[in-house]
């Protein structure tokens, strides 16, 4: 729970204090999913503890983020129980379970290790694809190319850091592409995000 409070508050502070395009990482679904992955990677084994712990991390982070926004910049507290907040809490449960378990899989061997190692890259690749999709949309800020470059670089960096061999890293990057497509389609189905 303490990690969730820290994630929500520090995420909001990051957005407020870091210049664009790096500030966008605070508003990133990939960043939060990778936090859940890191929790599972830290736990190392099992399914229940990493899934439950990572879900709690993300679920607590959502109201912590909105509470920080209310306390720091005077946003309305009513946002805590609005539909968008409930959506992000549900997303936190799903992402926490998937990425928490994925973090433990990255420490295993065989296909689980490849899929586990691919998940953080996949979520950054998916986010990069969303930036590409909105690059010409006048409702989005210009400079999406920087966001794409940052997301792709982070995807490759994470795989390089957690992979043990060149072969594992290469397979994880290859596996990340179809996983990114699945995540992209999932976001498209739940509201065209």
Protein backbone atom coordinates (compact mmCIF):
# COMPACT_ATOMS: atom_id res chain seq x y z
CA UNK A 1 0.00 0.00 0.00
CA UNK A 2 2.87 2.37 0.79
CA UNK A 3 4.25 1.74 -2.70
CA UNK A 4 0.88 2.62 -4.23
CA UNK A 5 0.71 5.87 -2.29
CA UNK A 6 4.25 6.74 -3.36
CA UNK A 7 3.56 5.80 -6.98
CA UNK A 8 0.46 8.00 -7.17
CA UNK A 9 1.98 11.02 -5.44
CA UNK A 10 5.39 10.83 -7.14
CA UNK A 11 3.71 10.31 -10.50
CA UNK A 12 1.72 13.50 -10.07
CA UNK A 13 4.83 15.41 -8.92
CA UNK A 14 6.74 14.07 -11.92
CA UNK A 15 4.12 15.43 -14.31
CA UNK A 16 4.18 18.81 -12.57
CA UNK A 17 7.94 19.26 -12.39
CA UNK A 18 9.61 17.44 -15.31
CA UNK A 19 9.64 19.15 -18.73
CA UNK A 20 7.92 17.72 -21.80
CA UNK A 21 8.44 15.18 -23.39
CA UNK A 22 9.73 13.32 -20.30
CA UNK A 23 6.78 14.54 -18.21
CA UNK A 24 4.60 12.34 -20.38
CA UNK A 25 6.08 9.30 -18.65
CA UNK A 26 4.10 10.33 -15.57
CA UNK A 27 0.91 10.16 -17.59
CA UNK A 28 1.90 6.80 -19.00
CA UNK A 29 -0.03 3.57 -18.65
CA UNK A 30 3.23 1.82 -19.56
CA UNK A 31 5.04 3.36 -16.58
CA UNK A 32 2.38 2.08 -14.19
CA UNK A 33 2.34 -1.37 -15.79
CA UNK A 34 6.12 -1.55 -15.49
CA UNK A 35 5.81 -0.61 -11.80
CA UNK A 36 3.56 -3.67 -11.36
CA UNK A 37 6.07 -5.75 -13.33
CA UNK A 38 8.90 -4.51 -11.09
CA UNK A 39 6.90 -5.56 -8.03
CA UNK A 40 6.48 -9.08 -9.44
CA UNK A 41 10.13 -9.20 -10.43
CA UNK A 42 11.06 -8.22 -6.87
CA UNK A 43 8.73 -10.85 -5.32
CA UNK A 44 10.38 -13.46 -7.58
CA UNK A 45 8.03 -16.43 -7.30
CA UNK A 46 4.48 -17.63 -7.02
CA UNK A 47 1.37 -16.22 -8.61
CA UNK A 48 -0.84 -14.98 -5.81
CA UNK A 49 1.58 -12.67 -4.00
CA UNK A 50 2.88 -10.85 -7.09
CA UNK A 51 -0.59 -10.62 -8.67
CA UNK A 52 -2.30 -9.39 -5.51
CA UNK A 53 0.54 -7.09 -4.44
CA UNK A 54 0.92 -5.49 -7.88
CA UNK A 55 -2.86 -5.02 -8.17
CA UNK A 56 -2.96 -3.33 -4.76
CA UNK A 57 -0.01 -1.15 -5.80
CA UNK A 58 -1.87 0.15 -8.85
CA UNK A 59 -5.31 0.37 -7.23
CA UNK A 60 -3.96 2.46 -4.34
CA UNK A 61 -1.92 4.61 -6.73
CA UNK A 62 -5.04 5.85 -8.57
CA UNK A 63 -6.75 7.65 -5.66
CA UNK A 64 -3.32 8.71 -4.35
CA UNK A 65 -2.67 10.45 -7.67
CA UNK A 66 -6.02 12.25 -7.62
CA UNK A 67 -5.65 13.15 -3.95
CA UNK A 68 -2.22 14.63 -4.66
CA UNK A 69 -3.76 16.65 -7.50
CA UNK A 70 -6.44 17.95 -5.11
CA UNK A 71 -3.95 18.87 -2.38
CA UNK A 72 -1.24 20.34 -4.61
CA UNK A 73 -3.16 22.15 -7.33
CA UNK A 74 -6.68 22.33 -5.93
CA UNK A 75 -8.40 19.79 -8.21
CA UNK A 76 -11.86 18.69 -7.11
CA UNK A 77 -12.00 15.68 -4.79
CA UNK A 78 -15.10 14.49 -6.67
CA UNK A 79 -12.81 13.03 -9.34
CA UNK A 80 -11.95 10.25 -6.86
CA UNK A 81 -15.30 8.54 -7.47
CA UNK A 82 -15.97 9.50 -11.06
CA UNK A 83 -16.31 6.88 -13.77
CA UNK A 84 -12.84 7.58 -15.18
CA UNK A 85 -11.29 6.87 -11.76
CA UNK A 86 -13.19 3.60 -11.52
CA UNK A 87 -11.96 2.67 -15.00
CA UNK A 88 -8.34 3.25 -13.96
CA UNK A 89 -8.87 1.25 -10.77
CA UNK A 90 -10.24 -1.68 -12.81
CA UNK A 91 -7.33 -1.28 -15.21
CA UNK A 92 -5.04 -1.36 -12.17
CA UNK A 93 -6.46 -4.70 -11.08
CA UNK A 94 -6.03 -6.22 -14.54
CA UNK A 95 -2.59 -4.74 -15.18
CA UNK A 96 -1.44 -5.59 -11.67
CA UNK A 97 -2.34 -9.24 -12.06
CA UNK A 98 -0.87 -9.61 -15.57
CA UNK A 99 2.31 -7.59 -15.04
CA UNK A 100 2.87 -8.78 -11.48
CA UNK A 101 2.89 -12.38 -12.65
CA UNK A 102 4.90 -11.34 -15.70
CA UNK A 103 7.59 -10.01 -13.39
CA UNK A 104 7.98 -13.41 -11.75
CA UNK A 105 7.96 -15.15 -15.13
CA UNK A 106 10.91 -13.01 -16.26
CA UNK A 107 13.01 -14.83 -13.64
CA UNK A 108 12.03 -18.30 -14.85
CA UNK A 109 13.22 -20.31 -17.83
CA UNK A 110 11.68 -21.30 -21.15
CA UNK A 111 8.71 -19.64 -22.75
CA UNK A 112 7.53 -18.03 -19.48
CA UNK A 113 10.81 -16.16 -19.21
CA UNK A 114 10.45 -14.87 -22.79
CA UNK A 115 6.84 -13.74 -22.28
CA UNK A 116 7.60 -12.24 -18.87
CA UNK A 117 10.58 -10.34 -20.24
CA UNK A 118 8.54 -9.19 -23.25
CA UNK A 119 5.67 -7.66 -21.25
CA UNK A 120 7.34 -4.38 -20.22
CA UNK A 121 8.63 -3.85 -23.75
CA UNK A 122 5.20 -4.66 -25.15
CA UNK A 123 3.46 -2.04 -23.06
CA UNK A 124 5.97 0.63 -24.11
CA UNK A 125 5.68 -0.42 -27.77
CA UNK A 126 1.89 -0.24 -27.47
CA UNK A 127 2.09 3.25 -26.01
CA UNK A 128 4.44 4.31 -28.82
CA UNK A 129 1.87 3.01 -31.31
CA UNK A 130 -0.83 5.13 -29.67
CA UNK A 131 1.41 8.20 -30.00
CA UNK A 132 1.95 7.41 -33.68
CA UNK A 133 -1.80 6.99 -34.12
CA UNK A 134 -2.47 10.45 -32.66
CA UNK A 135 0.52 12.22 -34.23
CA UNK A 136 -1.63 14.19 -36.68
CA UNK A 137 -4.60 14.69 -34.38
CA UNK A 138 -5.02 18.41 -33.58
CA UNK A 139 -6.44 17.50 -30.13
CA UNK A 140 -3.06 16.07 -29.07
CA UNK A 141 0.05 18.12 -28.37
CA UNK A 142 2.69 18.28 -31.09
CA UNK A 143 5.97 16.47 -30.74
CA UNK A 144 4.65 12.92 -30.50
CA UNK A 145 7.82 11.74 -32.22
CA UNK A 146 9.76 12.39 -29.02
CA UNK A 147 7.30 10.29 -27.05
CA UNK A 148 7.59 7.47 -29.56
CA UNK A 149 11.40 7.59 -29.38
CA UNK A 150 11.38 7.59 -25.56
CA UNK A 151 8.90 4.68 -25.35
CA UNK A 152 10.81 2.57 -27.88
CA UNK A 153 14.13 3.31 -26.16
CA UNK A 154 12.68 2.34 -22.77
CA UNK A 155 11.25 -0.88 -24.23
CA UNK A 156 14.63 -1.92 -25.57
CA UNK A 157 16.44 -0.80 -22.40
CA UNK A 158 14.18 -2.82 -20.10
CA UNK A 159 14.64 -5.98 -22.16
CA UNK A 160 18.41 -5.39 -22.22
CA UNK A 161 18.46 -5.04 -18.44
CA UNK A 162 16.34 -8.06 -17.53
CA UNK A 163 17.41 -10.46 -20.28
CA UNK A 164 20.25 -12.80 -19.38
CA UNK A 165 21.53 -13.65 -22.84
CA UNK A 166 21.46 -12.04 -26.27
CA UNK A 167 19.10 -14.80 -27.46
CA UNK A 168 16.63 -14.20 -24.60
CA UNK A 169 16.66 -10.47 -25.28
CA UNK A 170 16.08 -10.96 -28.99
CA UNK A 171 13.24 -13.42 -28.42
CA UNK A 172 11.65 -11.10 -25.85
CA UNK A 173 11.74 -8.16 -28.28
CA UNK A 174 10.17 -10.31 -31.00
CA UNK A 175 7.49 -11.59 -28.59
CA UNK A 176 6.79 -8.03 -27.44
CA UNK A 177 5.40 -7.02 -30.84
CA UNK A 178 2.32 -9.31 -30.91
CA UNK A 179 1.78 -8.64 -27.19
CA UNK A 180 1.83 -4.91 -27.95
CA UNK A 181 -0.78 -5.47 -30.66
CA UNK A 182 -3.01 -7.30 -28.19
CA UNK A 183 -2.68 -4.47 -25.65
CA UNK A 184 -3.34 -1.89 -28.38
CA UNK A 185 -6.52 -3.70 -29.45
CA UNK A 186 -7.60 -4.00 -25.82
CA UNK A 187 -7.35 -0.24 -25.34
CA UNK A 188 -9.19 0.33 -28.61
CA UNK A 189 -12.03 -1.96 -27.47
CA UNK A 190 -12.51 -0.25 -24.11
CA UNK A 191 -12.97 3.21 -25.48
CA UNK A 192 -10.68 4.09 -28.31
CA UNK A 193 -8.03 5.36 -25.92
